[in-house]
Structure formats: structure tokens, C-alpha cells
Protein backbone atom coordinates (compact mmCIF):
# COMPACT_ATOMS: atom_id res chain seq x y z
CA MET A 1 103.95 72.84 15.94
CA LEU A 2 106.94 71.01 17.44
CA ARG A 3 107.41 71.28 21.20
CA THR A 4 110.04 69.91 23.56
CA ILE A 5 109.14 68.46 26.96
CA LEU A 6 111.13 67.18 29.92
CA ILE A 7 110.34 63.82 31.46
CA GLY A 8 112.08 63.36 34.77
CA SER A 9 115.25 65.38 35.34
CA SER A 10 117.22 64.73 32.15
CA VAL A 11 115.12 63.06 29.44
CA SER A 12 113.74 65.39 26.76
CA ILE A 13 111.36 64.51 23.94
CA GLN A 14 110.45 66.59 20.92
CA GLY A 15 107.17 65.98 19.15
CA VAL A 16 104.03 67.51 17.71
CA PHE A 17 102.00 69.49 20.27
CA GLU A 18 98.65 67.84 21.08
CA ARG A 19 97.17 69.71 24.06
CA LYS A 20 97.84 71.33 27.42
CA LEU A 21 96.83 69.39 30.53
CA GLU A 22 95.20 70.94 33.61
CA CYS A 23 98.29 70.24 35.74
CA GLY A 24 100.50 72.45 33.54
CA ARG A 25 102.10 69.64 31.57
CA ILE A 26 101.62 69.22 27.82
CA LEU A 27 101.11 66.23 25.54
CA VAL A 28 103.26 65.70 22.46
CA ARG A 29 102.88 63.03 19.78
CA VAL A 30 105.82 61.06 18.38
CA GLY A 31 104.56 58.67 15.73
CA ASP A 32 101.71 56.74 17.33
CA SER A 33 102.81 57.48 20.93
CA LEU A 34 101.77 60.30 23.26
CA PHE A 35 104.10 61.65 25.95
CA ALA A 36 103.30 64.05 28.80
CA GLY A 37 105.89 66.26 30.44
CA ARG A 38 106.91 69.75 31.48
CA PRO A 39 107.34 72.18 28.56
CA VAL A 40 110.86 73.47 27.92
CA CYS A 41 110.89 77.27 27.72
CA GLY A 42 113.29 79.13 25.51
């Protein structure tokens, strides 16, 4: 499933959902890289 996350105040990344972290952020995979950020709702 594709998910979009925010990193910082204005950078968004869309990738394949990996898992939810304890702090409320989620991990998404883009190619071989993993990114953590706040999920975008809506």
C-alpha cells in the first residue's frame, strides 16, 4: 500500500508502507531506502 509522509515542514515522500513506529511515525520504502515521517491524513 502506498503512503505519503511528511519530513520536516514541507518535504513529502510517497512510498510503500513498511511499519508503524512507537512514536506515531511510519516507515515507507522507496527503492532500497527507508524513510520515517509523520503520516499525511486525507
